[in-house]
Amino acid sequence: MDLITVVCGIIFKNNFVLICRRKPEKSLGGYWEFPGGKVEDGESDEESLRRELISFICETEI
């Protein structure tokens, strides 16, 4: 089995923690998770987390 490296961000503000709900059509749809995702080839963990957080923020409906 191949190893997949992933990152996640745990973000605290004013005694709240940011969590996300997976899209219903995705694997484990409806489950709650911290924002993050897979690290791409040639990408550092920090770069990956930055990319994933920006992607999450841009897709979020408030």
N, C-alpha and C. Protein backbone atom coordinates (compact mmCIF):
# COMPACT_ATOMS: atom_id res chain seq x y z
N MET A 1 0.85 -1.18 0.00
CA MET A 1 0.00 0.00 0.00
C MET A 1 0.90 1.24 0.00
N ASP A 2 0.55 2.22 -0.84
CA ASP A 2 1.32 3.46 -0.92
C ASP A 2 1.00 4.36 0.27
N LEU A 3 2.00 5.10 0.69
CA LEU A 3 1.85 6.06 1.78
C LEU A 3 1.40 7.39 1.19
N ILE A 4 0.35 7.97 1.74
CA ILE A 4 -0.16 9.27 1.31
C ILE A 4 0.05 10.24 2.46
N THR A 5 0.79 11.32 2.19
CA THR A 5 1.05 12.34 3.21
C THR A 5 -0.05 13.38 3.14
N VAL A 6 -0.62 13.69 4.29
CA VAL A 6 -1.68 14.69 4.37
C VAL A 6 -1.36 15.70 5.47
N VAL A 7 -1.99 16.85 5.39
CA VAL A 7 -1.85 17.89 6.41
C VAL A 7 -3.23 18.36 6.83
N CYS A 8 -3.32 18.90 8.03
CA CYS A 8 -4.57 19.54 8.46
C CYS A 8 -4.23 20.71 9.36
N GLY A 9 -5.11 21.67 9.37
CA GLY A 9 -4.93 22.84 10.21
C GLY A 9 -5.98 22.86 11.31
N ILE A 10 -5.53 23.07 12.52
CA ILE A 10 -6.45 23.22 13.65
C ILE A 10 -6.39 24.69 14.04
N ILE A 11 -7.47 25.40 13.76
CA ILE A 11 -7.47 26.85 13.91
C ILE A 11 -8.40 27.23 15.05
N PHE A 12 -7.83 27.91 16.05
CA PHE A 12 -8.57 28.38 17.22
C PHE A 12 -8.74 29.89 17.15
N LYS A 13 -9.91 30.37 17.53
CA LYS A 13 -10.13 31.81 17.67
C LYS A 13 -11.27 32.03 18.65
N ASN A 14 -11.03 32.83 19.68
CA ASN A 14 -12.06 33.17 20.67
C ASN A 14 -12.78 31.93 21.21
N ASN A 15 -12.02 30.93 21.60
CA ASN A 15 -12.55 29.68 22.16
C ASN A 15 -13.39 28.86 21.17
N PHE A 16 -13.24 29.11 19.87
CA PHE A 16 -13.89 28.31 18.84
C PHE A 16 -12.82 27.58 18.03
N VAL A 17 -13.21 26.45 17.44
CA VAL A 17 -12.32 25.69 16.58
C VAL A 17 -12.99 25.57 15.22
N LEU A 18 -12.21 25.84 14.15
CA LEU A 18 -12.73 25.74 12.79
C LEU A 18 -12.76 24.28 12.36
N ILE A 19 -13.94 23.79 11.96
CA ILE A 19 -14.08 22.46 11.38
C ILE A 19 -14.89 22.57 10.10
N CYS A 20 -14.80 21.55 9.27
CA CYS A 20 -15.48 21.55 7.97
C CYS A 20 -16.34 20.30 7.87
N ARG A 21 -17.37 20.39 7.08
CA ARG A 21 -18.20 19.22 6.80
C ARG A 21 -17.93 18.79 5.35
N ARG A 22 -17.62 17.50 5.18
CA ARG A 22 -17.33 16.98 3.85
C ARG A 22 -18.57 17.06 2.96
N LYS A 23 -18.35 17.34 1.68
CA LYS A 23 -19.45 17.41 0.72
C LYS A 23 -20.13 16.05 0.65
N PRO A 24 -21.45 16.03 0.52
CA PRO A 24 -22.19 14.76 0.53
C PRO A 24 -21.74 13.77 -0.55
N GLU A 25 -21.31 14.28 -1.70
CA GLU A 25 -20.92 13.40 -2.80
C GLU A 25 -19.50 12.85 -2.67
N LYS A 26 -18.73 13.33 -1.72
CA LYS A 26 -17.36 12.87 -1.50
C LYS A 26 -17.34 11.63 -0.62
N SER A 27 -16.19 10.97 -0.59
CA SER A 27 -15.99 9.84 0.32
C SER A 27 -16.22 10.33 1.75
N LEU A 28 -16.93 9.56 2.52
CA LEU A 28 -17.28 9.93 3.90
C LEU A 28 -18.08 11.24 3.95
N GLY A 29 -18.91 11.44 2.95
CA GLY A 29 -19.72 12.66 2.85
C GLY A 29 -20.53 12.91 4.12
N GLY A 30 -20.55 14.18 4.54
CA GLY A 30 -21.28 14.58 5.73
C GLY A 30 -20.49 14.50 7.02
N TYR A 31 -19.34 13.83 6.99
CA TYR A 31 -18.51 13.76 8.19
C TYR A 31 -17.83 15.10 8.43
N TRP A 32 -17.50 15.37 9.68
CA TRP A 32 -16.79 16.59 10.06
C TRP A 32 -15.29 16.32 10.08
N GLU A 33 -14.49 17.36 9.73
CA GLU A 33 -13.04 17.21 9.69
C GLU A 33 -12.38 18.59 9.84
N PHE A 34 -11.09 18.56 10.14
CA PHE A 34 -10.31 19.80 10.11
C PHE A 34 -9.94 20.08 8.66
N PRO A 35 -9.80 21.37 8.28
CA PRO A 35 -9.42 21.67 6.90
C PRO A 35 -8.01 21.16 6.61
N GLY A 36 -7.82 20.64 5.42
CA GLY A 36 -6.51 20.13 5.00
C GLY A 36 -6.66 19.26 3.78
N GLY A 37 -5.62 18.50 3.48
CA GLY A 37 -5.67 17.63 2.31
C GLY A 37 -4.33 16.99 2.04
N LYS A 38 -4.20 16.42 0.84
CA LYS A 38 -3.00 15.70 0.45
C LYS A 38 -1.87 16.65 0.10
N VAL A 39 -0.65 16.24 0.44
CA VAL A 39 0.55 16.98 0.05
C VAL A 39 0.93 16.53 -1.36
N GLU A 40 1.08 17.49 -2.28
CA GLU A 40 1.44 17.17 -3.66
C GLU A 40 2.95 17.00 -3.79
N ASP A 41 3.37 16.29 -4.85
CA ASP A 41 4.81 16.07 -5.09
C ASP A 41 5.55 17.40 -5.16
N GLY A 42 6.70 17.47 -4.48
CA GLY A 42 7.53 18.65 -4.50
C GLY A 42 7.05 19.78 -3.61
N GLU A 43 6.03 19.55 -2.84
CA GLU A 43 5.42 20.58 -2.00
C GLU A 43 5.77 20.29 -0.54
N SER A 44 6.12 21.34 0.21
CA SER A 44 6.36 21.15 1.64
C SER A 44 5.02 21.04 2.36
N ASP A 45 5.07 20.55 3.59
CA ASP A 45 3.85 20.46 4.39
C ASP A 45 3.22 21.84 4.56
N GLU A 46 4.06 22.85 4.81
CA GLU A 46 3.57 24.21 5.02
C GLU A 46 2.91 24.76 3.76
N GLU A 47 3.54 24.52 2.60
CA GLU A 47 2.96 24.99 1.33
C GLU A 47 1.62 24.30 1.07
N SER A 48 1.58 23.01 1.34
CA SER A 48 0.34 22.26 1.14
C SER A 48 -0.78 22.78 2.03
N LEU A 49 -0.48 22.99 3.29
CA LEU A 49 -1.50 23.48 4.22
C LEU A 49 -1.97 24.87 3.80
N ARG A 50 -1.06 25.73 3.39
CA ARG A 50 -1.44 27.07 2.93
C ARG A 50 -2.38 26.95 1.73
N ARG A 51 -2.03 26.11 0.75
CA ARG A 51 -2.86 25.92 -0.44
C ARG A 51 -4.24 25.38 -0.07
N GLU A 52 -4.28 24.39 0.81
CA GLU A 52 -5.55 23.79 1.21
C GLU A 52 -6.43 24.79 1.98
N LEU A 53 -5.83 25.57 2.86
CA LEU A 53 -6.62 26.56 3.62
C LEU A 53 -7.17 27.65 2.72
N ILE A 54 -6.36 28.12 1.78
CA ILE A 54 -6.85 29.13 0.83
C ILE A 54 -7.98 28.56 0.00
N SER A 55 -7.84 27.32 -0.45
CA SER A 55 -8.89 26.66 -1.23
C SER A 55 -10.17 26.54 -0.40
N PHE A 56 -10.04 26.14 0.85
CA PHE A 56 -11.20 26.01 1.74
C PHE A 56 -11.89 27.34 1.93
N ILE A 57 -11.12 28.38 2.21
CA ILE A 57 -11.69 29.70 2.47
C ILE A 57 -12.40 30.23 1.22
N CYS A 58 -11.84 30.02 0.05
CA CYS A 58 -12.44 30.51 -1.19
C CYS A 58 -13.72 29.77 -1.54
N GLU A 59 -13.89 28.53 -1.08
CA GLU A 59 -15.08 27.75 -1.39
C GLU A 59 -16.17 27.86 -0.32
N THR A 60 -15.87 28.49 0.80
CA THR A 60 -16.79 28.52 1.94
C THR A 60 -17.95 29.47 1.69
N GLU A 61 -19.16 28.98 1.99
CA GLU A 61 -20.36 29.83 1.95
C GLU A 61 -20.68 30.22 3.39
N ILE A 62 -20.85 31.49 3.60
CA ILE A 62 -21.13 31.98 4.96
C ILE A 62 -22.57 32.42 5.04
